[in-house]
Amino acid sequence: MKYLKIFTILLTFIIAKWSFACDNDLVDVSNNKISTWLGDNSPFSKAYKDGKCVLDKALVNIPLEQRRVIANLIAKSYSIEIKNAKEILNYNY
């Protein structure tokens, strides 16, 4: 649980640092459908846009299909962390 908090704090600082470097020109047409669905003013939609921007910049030299696989692996890692956190809460010390 301690490592999850540290990871979350570090990820927040990294995303905040790189989010200022992301240009709106990089946003493609397919992202507009998602923006319409999520909205533009919510913290969730802003976090989505910032996170996507960071991933796109980090994976710029990788084909689109491999980017999808990497994004799915990242999502899976969060699922595993949530599952482990729930298991730890179930322990009676």
PDB file of N, CA and C in Angstrom:
ATOM      1  N   MET A   1       0.828  -1.185   0.000  1.00  0.00           N
ATOM      2  CA  MET A   1       0.000   0.000   0.000  1.00  0.00           C
ATOM      3  C   MET A   1       0.872   1.248   0.000  1.00  0.00           C
ATOM      4  N   LYS A   2       1.985   1.178   0.728  1.00  0.00           N
ATOM      5  CA  LYS A   2       2.917   2.301   0.789  1.00  0.00           C
ATOM      6  C   LYS A   2       3.491   2.580  -0.594  1.00  0.00           C
ATOM      7  N   TYR A   3       3.817   1.515  -1.324  1.00  0.00           N
ATOM      8  CA  TYR A   3       4.396   1.681  -2.656  1.00  0.00           C
ATOM      9  C   TYR A   3       3.380   2.242  -3.638  1.00  0.00           C
ATOM     10  N   LEU A   4       2.120   1.893  -3.468  1.00  0.00           N
ATOM     11  CA  LEU A   4       1.068   2.417  -4.332  1.00  0.00           C
ATOM     12  C   LEU A   4       0.923   3.926  -4.144  1.00  0.00           C
ATOM     13  N   LYS A   5       1.009   4.397  -2.904  1.00  0.00           N
ATOM     14  CA  LYS A   5       0.932   5.830  -2.649  1.00  0.00           C
ATOM     15  C   LYS A   5       2.119   6.561  -3.270  1.00  0.00           C
ATOM     16  N   ILE A   6       3.311   5.998  -3.103  1.00  0.00           N
ATOM     17  CA  ILE A   6       4.508   6.610  -3.683  1.00  0.00           C
ATOM     18  C   ILE A   6       4.406   6.633  -5.200  1.00  0.00           C
ATOM     19  N   PHE A   7       3.967   5.538  -5.785  1.00  0.00           N
ATOM     20  CA  PHE A   7       3.808   5.457  -7.239  1.00  0.00           C
ATOM     21  C   PHE A   7       2.805   6.486  -7.734  1.00  0.00           C
ATOM     22  N   THR A   8       1.691   6.631  -7.021  1.00  0.00           N
ATOM     23  CA  THR A   8       0.661   7.587  -7.419  1.00  0.00           C
ATOM     24  C   THR A   8       1.190   9.018  -7.358  1.00  0.00           C
ATOM     25  N   ILE A   9       1.932   9.340  -6.327  1.00  0.00           N
ATOM     26  CA  ILE A   9       2.490  10.685  -6.199  1.00  0.00           C
ATOM     27  C   ILE A   9       3.496  10.961  -7.307  1.00  0.00           C
ATOM     28  N   LEU A  10       4.379  10.007  -7.567  1.00  0.00           N
ATOM     29  CA  LEU A  10       5.356  10.188  -8.638  1.00  0.00           C
ATOM     30  C   LEU A  10       4.689  10.313  -9.998  1.00  0.00           C
ATOM     31  N   LEU A  11       3.689   9.494 -10.250  1.00  0.00           N
ATOM     32  CA  LEU A  11       2.979   9.557 -11.524  1.00  0.00           C
ATOM     33  C   LEU A  11       2.280  10.902 -11.691  1.00  0.00           C
ATOM     34  N   THR A  12       1.728  11.423 -10.611  1.00  0.00           N
ATOM     35  CA  THR A  12       1.065  12.731 -10.671  1.00  0.00           C
ATOM     36  C   THR A  12       2.047  13.829 -11.044  1.00  0.00           C
ATOM     37  N   PHE A  13       3.229  13.819 -10.439  1.00  0.00           N
ATOM     38  CA  PHE A  13       4.229  14.832 -10.768  1.00  0.00           C
ATOM     39  C   PHE A  13       4.724  14.695 -12.198  1.00  0.00           C
ATOM     40  N   ILE A  14       4.911  13.481 -12.643  1.00  0.00           N
ATOM     41  CA  ILE A  14       5.380  13.270 -14.014  1.00  0.00           C
ATOM     42  C   ILE A  14       4.344  13.749 -15.014  1.00  0.00           C
ATOM     43  N   ILE A  15       3.087  13.398 -14.798  1.00  0.00           N
ATOM     44  CA  ILE A  15       2.023  13.825 -15.712  1.00  0.00           C
ATOM     45  C   ILE A  15       1.862  15.339 -15.682  1.00  0.00           C
ATOM     46  N   ALA A  16       1.949  15.932 -14.498  1.00  0.00           N
ATOM     47  CA  ALA A  16       1.818  17.386 -14.399  1.00  0.00           C
ATOM     48  C   ALA A  16       2.957  18.079 -15.145  1.00  0.00           C
ATOM     49  N   LYS A  17       4.151  17.533 -15.042  1.00  0.00           N
ATOM     50  CA  LYS A  17       5.308  18.132 -15.721  1.00  0.00           C
ATOM     51  C   LYS A  17       5.143  18.048 -17.230  1.00  0.00           C
ATOM     52  N   TRP A  18       4.749  16.881 -17.742  1.00  0.00           N
ATOM     53  CA  TRP A  18       4.660  16.689 -19.185  1.00  0.00           C
ATOM     54  C   TRP A  18       3.377  17.241 -19.793  1.00  0.00           C
ATOM     55  N   SER A  19       2.369  17.447 -18.980  1.00  0.00           N
ATOM     56  CA  SER A  19       1.108  17.924 -19.544  1.00  0.00           C
ATOM     57  C   SER A  19       1.239  19.328 -20.103  1.00  0.00           C
ATOM     58  N   PHE A  20       2.154  20.114 -19.573  1.00  0.00           N
ATOM     59  CA  PHE A  20       2.363  21.452 -20.096  1.00  0.00           C
ATOM     60  C   PHE A  20       3.072  21.419 -21.442  1.00  0.00           C
ATOM     61  N   ALA A  21       3.747  20.319 -21.738  1.00  0.00           N
ATOM     62  CA  ALA A  21       4.477  20.215 -22.993  1.00  0.00           C
ATOM     63  C   ALA A  21       3.611  19.685 -24.124  1.00  0.00           C
ATOM     64  N   CYS A  22       2.399  19.272 -23.837  1.00  0.00           N
ATOM     65  CA  CYS A  22       1.540  18.677 -24.847  1.00  0.00           C
ATOM     66  C   CYS A  22       0.804  19.763 -25.616  1.00  0.00           C
ATOM     67  N   ASP A  23       0.908  19.712 -26.923  1.00  0.00           N
ATOM     68  CA  ASP A  23       0.216  20.677 -27.768  1.00  0.00           C
ATOM     69  C   ASP A  23      -1.161  20.166 -28.120  1.00  0.00           C
ATOM     70  N   ASN A  24      -2.087  21.069 -28.277  1.00  0.00           N
ATOM     71  CA  ASN A  24      -3.429  20.690 -28.713  1.00  0.00           C
ATOM     72  C   ASN A  24      -3.437  20.295 -30.178  1.00  0.00           C
ATOM     73  N   ASP A  25      -2.392  20.638 -30.927  1.00  0.00           N
ATOM     74  CA  ASP A  25      -2.314  20.269 -32.337  1.00  0.00           C
ATOM     75  C   ASP A  25      -2.139  18.771 -32.522  1.00  0.00           C
ATOM     76  N   LEU A  26      -1.649  18.099 -31.490  1.00  0.00           N
ATOM     77  CA  LEU A  26      -1.409  16.661 -31.587  1.00  0.00           C
ATOM     78  C   LEU A  26      -2.689  15.850 -31.435  1.00  0.00           C
ATOM     79  N   VAL A  27      -3.751  16.471 -30.979  1.00  0.00           N
ATOM     80  CA  VAL A  27      -5.009  15.765 -30.768  1.00  0.00           C
ATOM     81  C   VAL A  27      -5.635  15.467 -32.123  1.00  0.00           C
ATOM     82  N   ASP A  28      -5.957  14.199 -32.358  1.00  0.00           N
ATOM     83  CA  ASP A  28      -6.507  13.814 -33.655  1.00  0.00           C
ATOM     84  C   ASP A  28      -8.035  13.821 -33.641  1.00  0.00           C
ATOM     85  N   VAL A  29      -8.614  13.521 -34.785  1.00  0.00           N
ATOM     86  CA  VAL A  29     -10.069  13.584 -34.946  1.00  0.00           C
ATOM     87  C   VAL A  29     -10.766  12.531 -34.091  1.00  0.00           C
ATOM     88  N   SER A  30     -10.180  11.340 -33.948  1.00  0.00           N
ATOM     89  CA  SER A  30     -10.818  10.287 -33.158  1.00  0.00           C
ATOM     90  C   SER A  30     -10.914  10.685 -31.693  1.00  0.00           C
ATOM     91  N   ASN A  31     -10.017  11.536 -31.245  1.00  0.00           N
ATOM     92  CA  ASN A  31     -10.037  11.988 -29.861  1.00  0.00           C
ATOM     93  C   ASN A  31     -11.200  12.930 -29.608  1.00  0.00           C
ATOM     94  N   ASN A  32     -11.720  13.588 -30.657  1.00  0.00           N
ATOM     95  CA  ASN A  32     -12.843  14.503 -30.495  1.00  0.00           C
ATOM     96  C   ASN A  32     -14.102  13.772 -30.053  1.00  0.00           C
ATOM     97  N   LYS A  33     -14.309  12.548 -30.546  1.00  0.00           N
ATOM     98  CA  LYS A  33     -15.466  11.763 -30.117  1.00  0.00           C
ATOM     99  C   LYS A  33     -15.378  11.451 -28.629  1.00  0.00           C
ATOM    100  N   ILE A  34     -14.198  11.127 -28.171  1.00  0.00           N
ATOM    101  CA  ILE A  34     -14.014  10.825 -26.755  1.00  0.00           C
ATOM    102  C   ILE A  34     -14.160  12.101 -25.932  1.00  0.00           C
ATOM    103  N   SER A  35     -13.650  13.217 -26.440  1.00  0.00           N
ATOM    104  CA  SER A  35     -13.795  14.487 -25.732  1.00  0.00           C
ATOM    105  C   SER A  35     -15.259  14.871 -25.590  1.00  0.00           C
ATOM    106  N   THR A  36     -16.036  14.628 -26.621  1.00  0.00           N
ATOM    107  CA  THR A  36     -17.465  14.923 -26.561  1.00  0.00           C
ATOM    108  C   THR A  36     -18.138  14.051 -25.512  1.00  0.00           C
ATOM    109  N   TRP A  37     -17.756  12.800 -25.454  1.00  0.00           N
ATOM    110  CA  TRP A  37     -18.357  11.874 -24.508  1.00  0.00           C
ATOM    111  C   TRP A  37     -17.942  12.201 -23.069  1.00  0.00           C
ATOM    112  N   LEU A  38     -16.639  12.502 -22.847  1.00  0.00           N
ATOM    113  CA  LEU A  38     -16.142  12.782 -21.501  1.00  0.00           C
ATOM    114  C   LEU A  38     -16.448  14.198 -21.041  1.00  0.00           C
ATOM    115  N   GLY A  39     -16.516  15.118 -21.978  1.00  0.00           N
ATOM    116  CA  GLY A  39     -16.642  16.525 -21.625  1.00  0.00           C
ATOM    117  C   GLY A  39     -15.264  17.161 -21.597  1.00  0.00           C
ATOM    118  N   ASP A  40     -15.239  18.461 -21.489  1.00  0.00           N
ATOM    119  CA  ASP A  40     -13.954  19.158 -21.510  1.00  0.00           C
ATOM    120  C   ASP A  40     -13.555  19.749 -20.165  1.00  0.00           C
ATOM    121  N   ASN A  41     -14.483  19.886 -19.261  1.00  0.00           N
ATOM    122  CA  ASN A  41     -14.198  20.606 -18.022  1.00  0.00           C
ATOM    123  C   ASN A  41     -13.981  19.719 -16.807  1.00  0.00           C
ATOM    124  N   SER A  42     -14.207  18.436 -16.939  1.00  0.00           N
ATOM    125  CA  SER A  42     -14.074  17.572 -15.765  1.00  0.00           C
ATOM    126  C   SER A  42     -12.613  17.220 -15.520  1.00  0.00           C
ATOM    127  N   PRO A  43     -12.244  17.003 -14.259  1.00  0.00           N
ATOM    128  CA  PRO A  43     -10.869  16.580 -13.955  1.00  0.00           C
ATOM    129  C   PRO A  43     -10.532  15.237 -14.604  1.00  0.00           C
ATOM    130  N   PHE A  44     -11.544  14.369 -14.725  1.00  0.00           N
ATOM    131  CA  PHE A  44     -11.318  13.061 -15.341  1.00  0.00           C
ATOM    132  C   PHE A  44     -10.931  13.208 -16.808  1.00  0.00           C
ATOM    133  N   SER A  45     -11.636  14.072 -17.541  1.00  0.00           N
ATOM    134  CA  SER A  45     -11.324  14.251 -18.961  1.00  0.00           C
ATOM    135  C   SER A  45      -9.965  14.900 -19.150  1.00  0.00           C
ATOM    136  N   LYS A  46      -9.623  15.828 -18.273  1.00  0.00           N
ATOM    137  CA  LYS A  46      -8.298  16.462 -18.355  1.00  0.00           C
ATOM    138  C   LYS A  46      -7.205  15.449 -18.057  1.00  0.00           C
ATOM    139  N   ALA A  47      -7.423  14.589 -17.068  1.00  0.00           N
ATOM    140  CA  ALA A  47      -6.444  13.552 -16.747  1.00  0.00           C
ATOM    141  C   ALA A  47      -6.298  12.574 -17.905  1.00  0.00           C
ATOM    142  N   TYR A  48      -7.419  12.244 -18.552  1.00  0.00           N
ATOM    143  CA  TYR A  48      -7.378  11.352 -19.712  1.00  0.00           C
ATOM    144  C   TYR A  48      -6.529  11.963 -20.829  1.00  0.00           C
ATOM    145  N   LYS A  49      -6.785  13.221 -21.139  1.00  0.00           N
ATOM    146  CA  LYS A  49      -6.047  13.885 -22.214  1.00  0.00           C
ATOM    147  C   LYS A  49      -4.556  13.980 -21.894  1.00  0.00           C
ATOM    148  N   ASP A  50      -4.240  14.329 -20.644  1.00  0.00           N
ATOM    149  CA  ASP A  50      -2.841  14.424 -20.245  1.00  0.00           C
ATOM    150  C   ASP A  50      -2.152  13.067 -20.297  1.00  0.00           C
ATOM    151  N   GLY A  51      -2.841  12.043 -19.806  1.00  0.00           N
ATOM    152  CA  GLY A  51      -2.270  10.699 -19.823  1.00  0.00           C
ATOM    153  C   GLY A  51      -2.051  10.184 -21.233  1.00  0.00           C
ATOM    154  N   LYS A  52      -3.014  10.430 -22.110  1.00  0.00           N
ATOM    155  CA  LYS A  52      -2.883  10.007 -23.501  1.00  0.00           C
ATOM    156  C   LYS A  52      -1.731  10.736 -24.172  1.00  0.00           C
ATOM    157  N   CYS A  53      -1.588  12.003 -23.868  1.00  0.00           N
ATOM    158  CA  CYS A  53      -0.500  12.791 -24.440  1.00  0.00           C
ATOM    159  C   CYS A  53       0.855  12.232 -24.007  1.00  0.00           C
ATOM    160  N   VAL A  54       0.980  11.911 -22.738  1.00  0.00           N
ATOM    161  CA  VAL A  54       2.234  11.360 -22.229  1.00  0.00           C
ATOM    162  C   VAL A  54       2.542  10.023 -22.898  1.00  0.00           C
ATOM    163  N   LEU A  55       1.538   9.165 -23.001  1.00  0.00           N
ATOM    164  CA  LEU A  55       1.744   7.872 -23.659  1.00  0.00           C
ATOM    165  C   LEU A  55       2.122   8.044 -25.128  1.00  0.00           C
ATOM    166  N   ASP A  56       1.440   8.941 -25.816  1.00  0.00           N
ATOM    167  CA  ASP A  56       1.738   9.159 -27.230  1.00  0.00           C
ATOM    168  C   ASP A  56       3.165   9.655 -27.428  1.00  0.00           C
ATOM    169  N   LYS A  57       3.614  10.544 -26.558  1.00  0.00           N
ATOM    170  CA  LYS A  57       4.983  11.053 -26.675  1.00  0.00           C
ATOM    171  C   LYS A  57       6.006   9.970 -26.334  1.00  0.00           C
ATOM    172  N   ALA A  58       5.708   9.153 -25.332  1.00  0.00           N
ATOM    173  CA  ALA A  58       6.648   8.105 -24.921  1.00  0.00           C
ATOM    174  C   ALA A  58       6.732   6.988 -25.955  1.00  0.00           C
ATOM    175  N   LEU A  59       5.637   6.751 -26.679  1.00  0.00           N
ATOM    176  CA  LEU A  59       5.573   5.627 -27.613  1.00  0.00           C
ATOM    177  C   LEU A  59       5.553   6.085 -29.071  1.00  0.00           C
ATOM    178  N   VAL A  60       6.145   7.225 -29.348  1.00  0.00           N
ATOM    179  CA  VAL A  60       6.055   7.823 -30.678  1.00  0.00           C
ATOM    180  C   VAL A  60       6.679   6.943 -31.764  1.00  0.00           C
ATOM    181  N   ASN A  61       7.691   6.168 -31.461  1.00  0.00           N
ATOM    182  CA  ASN A  61       8.384   5.350 -32.466  1.00  0.00           C
ATOM    183  C   ASN A  61       7.854   3.924 -32.541  1.00  0.00           C
ATOM    184  N   ILE A  62       6.754   3.648 -31.871  1.00  0.00           N
ATOM    185  CA  ILE A  62       6.206   2.297 -31.817  1.00  0.00           C
ATOM    186  C   ILE A  62       4.921   2.263 -32.648  1.00  0.00           C
ATOM    187  N   PRO A  63       4.695   1.194 -33.399  1.00  0.00           N
ATOM    188  CA  PRO A  63       3.460   1.085 -34.194  1.00  0.00           C
ATOM    189  C   PRO A  63       2.203   1.138 -33.325  1.00  0.00           C
ATOM    190  N   LEU A  64       1.108   1.547 -33.924  1.00  0.00           N
ATOM    191  CA  LEU A  64      -0.149   1.765 -33.212  1.00  0.00           C
ATOM    192  C   LEU A  64      -0.637   0.509 -32.496  1.00  0.00           C
ATOM    193  N   GLU A  65      -0.535  -0.648 -33.119  1.00  0.00           N
ATOM    194  CA  GLU A  65      -0.995  -1.896 -32.491  1.00  0.00           C
ATOM    195  C   GLU A  65      -0.178  -2.214 -31.241  1.00  0.00           C
ATOM    196  N   GLN A  66       1.124  -1.956 -31.279  1.00  0.00           N
ATOM    197  CA  GLN A  66       1.957  -2.196 -30.105  1.00  0.00           C
ATOM    198  C   GLN A  66       1.659  -1.176 -29.009  1.00  0.00           C
ATOM    199  N   ARG A  67       1.306   0.044 -29.386  1.00  0.00           N
ATOM    200  CA  ARG A  67       0.899   1.046 -28.394  1.00  0.00           C
ATOM    201  C   ARG A  67      -0.335   0.556 -27.646  1.00  0.00           C
ATOM    202  N   ARG A  68      -1.276  -0.026 -28.394  1.00  0.00           N
ATOM    203  CA  ARG A  68      -2.501  -0.550 -27.787  1.00  0.00           C
ATOM    204  C   ARG A  68      -2.179  -1.655 -26.792  1.00  0.00           C
ATOM    205  N   VAL A  69      -1.271  -2.537 -27.155  1.00  0.00           N
ATOM    206  CA  VAL A  69      -0.880  -3.630 -26.267  1.00  0.00           C
ATOM    207  C   VAL A  69      -0.238  -3.076 -24.994  1.00  0.00           C
ATOM    208  N   ILE A  70       0.632  -2.089 -25.144  1.00  0.00           N
ATOM    209  CA  ILE A  70       1.301  -1.493 -23.977  1.00  0.00           C
ATOM    210  C   ILE A  70       0.277  -0.809 -23.079  1.00  0.00           C
ATOM    211  N   ALA A  71      -0.662  -0.077 -23.659  1.00  0.00           N
ATOM    212  CA  ALA A  71      -1.706   0.579 -22.866  1.00  0.00           C
ATOM    213  C   ALA A  71      -2.543  -0.449 -22.114  1.00  0.00           C
ATOM    214  N   ASN A  72      -2.853  -1.567 -22.764  1.00  0.00           N
ATOM    215  CA  ASN A  72      -3.616  -2.630 -22.091  1.00  0.00           C
ATOM    216  C   ASN A  72      -2.811  -3.262 -20.961  1.00  0.00           C
ATOM    217  N   LEU A  73      -1.512  -3.418 -21.154  1.00  0.00           N
ATOM    218  CA  LEU A  73      -0.665  -3.955 -20.080  1.00  0.00           C
ATOM    219  C   LEU A  73      -0.615  -3.002 -18.891  1.00  0.00           C
ATOM    220  N   ILE A  74      -0.553  -1.716 -19.164  1.00  0.00           N
ATOM    221  CA  ILE A  74      -0.565  -0.732 -18.082  1.00  0.00           C
ATOM    222  C   ILE A  74      -1.883  -0.811 -17.329  1.00  0.00           C
ATOM    223  N   ALA A  75      -2.991  -0.891 -18.060  1.00  0.00           N
ATOM    224  CA  ALA A  75      -4.305  -1.007 -17.416  1.00  0.00           C
ATOM    225  C   ALA A  75      -4.381  -2.290 -16.580  1.00  0.00           C
ATOM    226  N   LYS A  76      -3.840  -3.380 -17.088  1.00  0.00           N
ATOM    227  CA  LYS A  76      -3.840  -4.654 -16.363  1.00  0.00           C
ATOM    228  C   LYS A  76      -3.024  -4.541 -15.082  1.00  0.00           C
ATOM    229  N   SER A  77      -1.915  -3.801 -15.131  1.00  0.00           N
ATOM    230  CA  SER A  77      -1.093  -3.645 -13.933  1.00  0.00           C
ATOM    231  C   SER A  77      -1.859  -2.903 -12.837  1.00  0.00           C
ATOM    232  N   TYR A  78      -2.698  -1.936 -13.227  1.00  0.00           N
ATOM    233  CA  TYR A  78      -3.520  -1.252 -12.237  1.00  0.00           C
ATOM    234  C   TYR A  78      -4.558  -2.203 -11.654  1.00  0.00           C
ATOM    235  N   SER A  79      -5.118  -3.072 -12.470  1.00  0.00           N
ATOM    236  CA  SER A  79      -6.083  -4.054 -11.974  1.00  0.00           C
ATOM    237  C   SER A  79      -5.439  -4.973 -10.953  1.00  0.00           C
ATOM    238  N   ILE A  80      -4.221  -5.383 -11.219  1.00  0.00           N
ATOM    239  CA  ILE A  80      -3.501  -6.257 -10.290  1.00  0.00           C
ATOM    240  C   ILE A  80      -3.210  -5.527  -8.989  1.00  0.00           C
ATOM    241  N   GLU A  81      -2.812  -4.241  -9.075  1.00  0.00           N
ATOM    242  CA  GLU A  81      -2.546  -3.467  -7.867  1.00  0.00           C
ATOM    243  C   GLU A  81      -3.806  -3.310  -7.022  1.00  0.00           C
ATOM    244  N   ILE A  82      -4.942  -3.072  -7.665  1.00  0.00           N
ATOM    245  CA  ILE A  82      -6.207  -2.934  -6.932  1.00  0.00           C
ATOM    246  C   ILE A  82      -6.568  -4.247  -6.262  1.00  0.00           C
ATOM    247  N   LYS A  83      -6.383  -5.357  -6.983  1.00  0.00           N
ATOM    248  CA  LYS A  83      -6.690  -6.670  -6.420  1.00  0.00           C
ATOM    249  C   LYS A  83      -5.795  -6.951  -5.215  1.00  0.00           C
ATOM    250  N   ASN A  84      -4.509  -6.645  -5.322  1.00  0.00           N
ATOM    251  CA  ASN A  84      -3.594  -6.871  -4.206  1.00  0.00           C
ATOM    252  C   ASN A  84      -3.944  -5.989  -3.014  1.00  0.00           C
ATOM    253  N   ALA A  85      -4.351  -4.763  -3.266  1.00  0.00           N
ATOM    254  CA  ALA A  85      -4.736  -3.865  -2.173  1.00  0.00           C
ATOM    255  C   ALA A  85      -5.973  -4.398  -1.457  1.00  0.00           C
ATOM    256  N   LYS A  86      -6.936  -4.937  -2.206  1.00  0.00           N
ATOM    257  CA  LYS A  86      -8.134  -5.503  -1.582  1.00  0.00           C
ATOM    258  C   LYS A  86      -7.797  -6.737  -0.764  1.00  0.00           C
ATOM    259  N   GLU A  87      -6.860  -7.551  -1.248  1.00  0.00           N
ATOM    260  CA  GLU A  87      -6.463  -8.746  -0.500  1.00  0.00           C
ATOM    261  C   GLU A  87      -5.793  -8.371   0.806  1.00  0.00           C
ATOM    262  N   ILE A  88      -4.984  -7.330   0.782  1.00  0.00           N
ATOM    263  CA  ILE A  88      -4.300  -6.899   1.994  1.00  0.00           C
ATOM    264  C   ILE A  88      -5.313  -6.387   3.017  1.00  0.00           C
ATOM    265  N   LEU A  89      -6.356  -5.698   2.550  1.00  0.00           N
ATOM    266  CA  LEU A  89      -7.376  -5.211   3.471  1.00  0.00           C
ATOM    267  C   LEU A  89      -8.135  -6.349   4.142  1.00  0.00           C
ATOM    268  N   ASN A  90      -8.182  -7.509   3.501  1.00  0.00           N
ATOM    269  CA  ASN A  90      -8.912  -8.646   4.059  1.00  0.00           C
ATOM    270  C   ASN A  90      -8.132  -9.392   5.124  1.00  0.00           C
ATOM    271  N   TYR A  91      -6.855  -9.122   5.252  1.00  0.00           N
ATOM    272  CA  TYR A  91      -6.055  -9.808   6.262  1.00  0.00           C
ATOM    273  C   TYR A  91      -6.414  -9.298   7.653  1.00  0.00           C
ATOM    274  N   ASN A  92      -6.504 -10.222   8.576  1.00  0.00           N
ATOM    275  CA  ASN A  92      -6.722  -9.853   9.995  1.00  0.00           C
ATOM    276  C   ASN A  92      -5.395 -10.026  10.710  1.00  0.00           C
ATOM    277  N   TYR A  93      -4.856  -8.936  11.175  1.00  0.00           N
ATOM    278  CA  TYR A  93      -3.551  -8.999  11.840  1.00  0.00           C
ATOM    279  C   TYR A  93      -3.725  -9.313  13.288  1.00  0.00           C
TER     280      TYR A  93
END
